Amino acid sequence: MNATTRPEPAAANAAHDAILTPTQIRGLKLAKDGDLFPQEAKRWTHLNATATYARTDRFKERPQKIKFLTTTTVNELRELGLIQSLNPDLPPEEASHGITMAGKIWLLKNK
């Protein structure tokens, strides 16, 4: 019997070996928490994201900031194959994005 191995696709292999900046890592973690949608001013965040408060903030004096990504970071992560457009019919700038299996594996291996 001949033991043959299938070569991995180049994009998936490159995604595993990718070295990400801290901004890209935060963006990938944000995509892991939920799908990203385009907002105003070239920002991407979860759908209907609102400011939240800590449980111990009884009088709601210190809101926690809404986490977001820039379009540049989304494009970089998409080129690496770590996130993908969820609606292929729309242009990438308008479609929502979600994390790919390669992105999940990258997070497991590196952070």
C-alpha atoms as a PDB file:
ATOM      1  CA  MET A   1       0.000   0.000   0.000  1.00  0.00           C
ATOM      2  CA  ASN A   2       1.188   3.425  -0.888  1.00  0.00           C
ATOM      3  CA  ALA A   3       0.789   6.052   1.769  1.00  0.00           C
ATOM      4  CA  THR A   4       0.000   9.295   0.026  1.00  0.00           C
ATOM      5  CA  THR A   5      -0.783  12.572   1.649  1.00  0.00           C
ATOM      6  CA  ARG A   6      -2.935  15.303   0.296  1.00  0.00           C
ATOM      7  CA  PRO A   7      -1.185  18.663   0.075  1.00  0.00           C
ATOM      8  CA  GLU A   8      -2.886  21.406   2.033  1.00  0.00           C
ATOM      9  CA  PRO A   9      -4.207  24.358   0.070  1.00  0.00           C
ATOM     10  CA  ALA A  10      -1.722  27.229  -0.051  1.00  0.00           C
ATOM     11  CA  ALA A  11      -4.154  29.699   1.559  1.00  0.00           C
ATOM     12  CA  ALA A  12      -4.849  27.447   4.538  1.00  0.00           C
ATOM     13  CA  ASN A  13      -1.150  26.737   4.992  1.00  0.00           C
ATOM     14  CA  ALA A  14      -0.328  30.443   4.840  1.00  0.00           C
ATOM     15  CA  ALA A  15      -3.041  31.214   7.387  1.00  0.00           C
ATOM     16  CA  HIS A  16      -1.525  28.783   9.897  1.00  0.00           C
ATOM     17  CA  ASP A  17       1.944  30.332   9.515  1.00  0.00           C
ATOM     18  CA  ALA A  18       0.747  33.942   9.508  1.00  0.00           C
ATOM     19  CA  ILE A  19       2.202  36.340  12.042  1.00  0.00           C
ATOM     20  CA  LEU A  20      -0.478  38.807  13.074  1.00  0.00           C
ATOM     21  CA  THR A  21      -0.196  42.224  14.658  1.00  0.00           C
ATOM     22  CA  PRO A  22      -1.919  42.836  18.006  1.00  0.00           C
ATOM     23  CA  THR A  23      -4.652  44.782  16.180  1.00  0.00           C
ATOM     24  CA  GLN A  24      -5.296  41.851  13.850  1.00  0.00           C
ATOM     25  CA  ILE A  25      -5.401  39.440  16.805  1.00  0.00           C
ATOM     26  CA  ARG A  26      -8.011  41.619  18.564  1.00  0.00           C
ATOM     27  CA  GLY A  27     -10.004  41.713  15.337  1.00  0.00           C
ATOM     28  CA  LEU A  28      -9.872  37.957  14.950  1.00  0.00           C
ATOM     29  CA  LYS A  29     -11.055  37.502  18.537  1.00  0.00           C
ATOM     30  CA  LEU A  30     -13.897  39.952  17.875  1.00  0.00           C
ATOM     31  CA  ALA A  31     -14.893  37.938  14.789  1.00  0.00           C
ATOM     32  CA  LYS A  32     -14.826  34.778  16.913  1.00  0.00           C
ATOM     33  CA  ASP A  33     -17.391  36.370  19.263  1.00  0.00           C
ATOM     34  CA  GLY A  34     -19.826  37.031  16.410  1.00  0.00           C
ATOM     35  CA  ASP A  35     -20.220  38.162  12.819  1.00  0.00           C
ATOM     36  CA  LEU A  36     -18.883  41.581  11.849  1.00  0.00           C
ATOM     37  CA  PHE A  37     -21.044  44.127  10.062  1.00  0.00           C
ATOM     38  CA  PRO A  38     -20.003  47.398   8.392  1.00  0.00           C
ATOM     39  CA  GLN A  39     -20.807  50.583  10.318  1.00  0.00           C
ATOM     40  CA  GLU A  40     -20.224  54.270   9.639  1.00  0.00           C
ATOM     41  CA  ALA A  41     -16.696  55.738   9.392  1.00  0.00           C
ATOM     42  CA  LYS A  42     -15.076  52.551   8.010  1.00  0.00           C
ATOM     43  CA  ARG A  43     -15.662  50.589  11.197  1.00  0.00           C
ATOM     44  CA  TRP A  44     -16.845  47.021  11.630  1.00  0.00           C
ATOM     45  CA  THR A  45     -18.550  45.638  14.721  1.00  0.00           C
ATOM     46  CA  HIS A  46     -21.286  43.236  15.792  1.00  0.00           C
ATOM     47  CA  LEU A  47     -24.837  43.903  14.661  1.00  0.00           C
ATOM     48  CA  ASN A  48     -26.730  46.187  17.069  1.00  0.00           C
ATOM     49  CA  ALA A  49     -23.692  46.640  19.327  1.00  0.00           C
ATOM     50  CA  THR A  50     -24.423  48.942  22.253  1.00  0.00           C
ATOM     51  CA  ALA A  51     -22.431  50.234  25.187  1.00  0.00           C
ATOM     52  CA  THR A  52     -22.569  47.866  28.130  1.00  0.00           C
ATOM     53  CA  TYR A  53     -21.920  48.305  31.817  1.00  0.00           C
ATOM     54  CA  ALA A  54     -20.100  46.146  34.341  1.00  0.00           C
ATOM     55  CA  ARG A  55     -22.256  44.255  36.835  1.00  0.00           C
ATOM     56  CA  THR A  56     -20.625  46.135  39.692  1.00  0.00           C
ATOM     57  CA  ASP A  57     -21.363  49.523  38.089  1.00  0.00           C
ATOM     58  CA  ARG A  58     -24.564  50.077  40.038  1.00  0.00           C
ATOM     59  CA  PHE A  59     -25.329  53.549  38.736  1.00  0.00           C
ATOM     60  CA  LYS A  60     -24.124  52.906  35.178  1.00  0.00           C
ATOM     61  CA  GLU A  61     -21.507  55.626  35.346  1.00  0.00           C
ATOM     62  CA  ARG A  62     -18.738  53.945  33.335  1.00  0.00           C
ATOM     63  CA  PRO A  63     -19.891  52.409  30.050  1.00  0.00           C
ATOM     64  CA  GLN A  64     -17.614  49.860  28.416  1.00  0.00           C
ATOM     65  CA  LYS A  65     -16.559  50.834  24.929  1.00  0.00           C
ATOM     66  CA  ILE A  66     -17.934  49.124  21.851  1.00  0.00           C
ATOM     67  CA  LYS A  67     -15.188  47.048  20.258  1.00  0.00           C
ATOM     68  CA  PHE A  68     -14.662  47.626  16.544  1.00  0.00           C
ATOM     69  CA  LEU A  69     -12.307  46.955  13.625  1.00  0.00           C
ATOM     70  CA  THR A  70     -11.248  49.176  10.768  1.00  0.00           C
ATOM     71  CA  THR A  71     -11.838  48.266   7.141  1.00  0.00           C
ATOM     72  CA  THR A  72      -8.082  47.899   6.645  1.00  0.00           C
ATOM     73  CA  THR A  73      -7.830  45.216   9.343  1.00  0.00           C
ATOM     74  CA  VAL A  74     -10.862  43.372   7.943  1.00  0.00           C
ATOM     75  CA  ASN A  75      -9.259  43.364   4.481  1.00  0.00           C
ATOM     76  CA  GLU A  76      -5.953  42.049   5.860  1.00  0.00           C
ATOM     77  CA  LEU A  77      -7.676  39.226   7.759  1.00  0.00           C
ATOM     78  CA  ARG A  78      -9.771  38.352   4.691  1.00  0.00           C
ATOM     79  CA  GLU A  79      -6.647  38.197   2.480  1.00  0.00           C
ATOM     80  CA  LEU A  80      -5.040  35.787   4.955  1.00  0.00           C
ATOM     81  CA  GLY A  81      -8.156  33.601   4.856  1.00  0.00           C
ATOM     82  CA  LEU A  82      -8.915  34.019   8.568  1.00  0.00           C
ATOM     83  CA  ILE A  83     -12.325  35.636   7.985  1.00  0.00           C
ATOM     84  CA  GLN A  84     -14.663  35.420   5.014  1.00  0.00           C
ATOM     85  CA  SER A  85     -17.579  37.280   3.540  1.00  0.00           C
ATOM     86  CA  LEU A  86     -20.889  35.679   4.510  1.00  0.00           C
ATOM     87  CA  ASN A  87     -22.750  37.005   1.457  1.00  0.00           C
ATOM     88  CA  PRO A  88     -20.798  36.406  -1.781  1.00  0.00           C
ATOM     89  CA  ASP A  89     -23.387  38.338  -3.824  1.00  0.00           C
ATOM     90  CA  LEU A  90     -22.471  41.672  -2.196  1.00  0.00           C
ATOM     91  CA  PRO A  91     -19.153  43.493  -2.524  1.00  0.00           C
ATOM     92  CA  PRO A  92     -16.799  42.682   0.395  1.00  0.00           C
ATOM     93  CA  GLU A  93     -17.047  46.260   1.695  1.00  0.00           C
ATOM     94  CA  GLU A  94     -20.797  45.878   2.281  1.00  0.00           C
ATOM     95  CA  ALA A  95     -21.171  42.212   3.268  1.00  0.00           C
ATOM     96  CA  SER A  96     -20.958  40.852   6.799  1.00  0.00           C
ATOM     97  CA  HIS A  97     -17.927  38.751   7.675  1.00  0.00           C
ATOM     98  CA  GLY A  98     -17.439  35.711   9.879  1.00  0.00           C
ATOM     99  CA  ILE A  99     -14.440  33.781  11.139  1.00  0.00           C
ATOM    100  CA  THR A 100     -13.249  30.762   9.146  1.00  0.00           C
ATOM    101  CA  MET A 101     -12.023  27.438  10.495  1.00  0.00           C
ATOM    102  CA  ALA A 102      -8.471  28.572   9.693  1.00  0.00           C
ATOM    103  CA  GLY A 103      -9.044  31.610  11.913  1.00  0.00           C
ATOM    104  CA  LYS A 104     -10.311  29.449  14.765  1.00  0.00           C
ATOM    105  CA  ILE A 105      -7.325  27.123  14.449  1.00  0.00           C
ATOM    106  CA  TRP A 106      -4.942  30.086  14.397  1.00  0.00           C
ATOM    107  CA  LEU A 107      -6.440  31.371  17.656  1.00  0.00           C
ATOM    108  CA  LEU A 108      -6.186  27.936  19.272  1.00  0.00           C
ATOM    109  CA  LYS A 109      -2.529  27.558  18.297  1.00  0.00           C
ATOM    110  CA  ASN A 110      -1.316  31.057  19.028  1.00  0.00           C
ATOM    111  CA  LYS A 111      -3.463  32.838  21.608  1.00  0.00           C
END
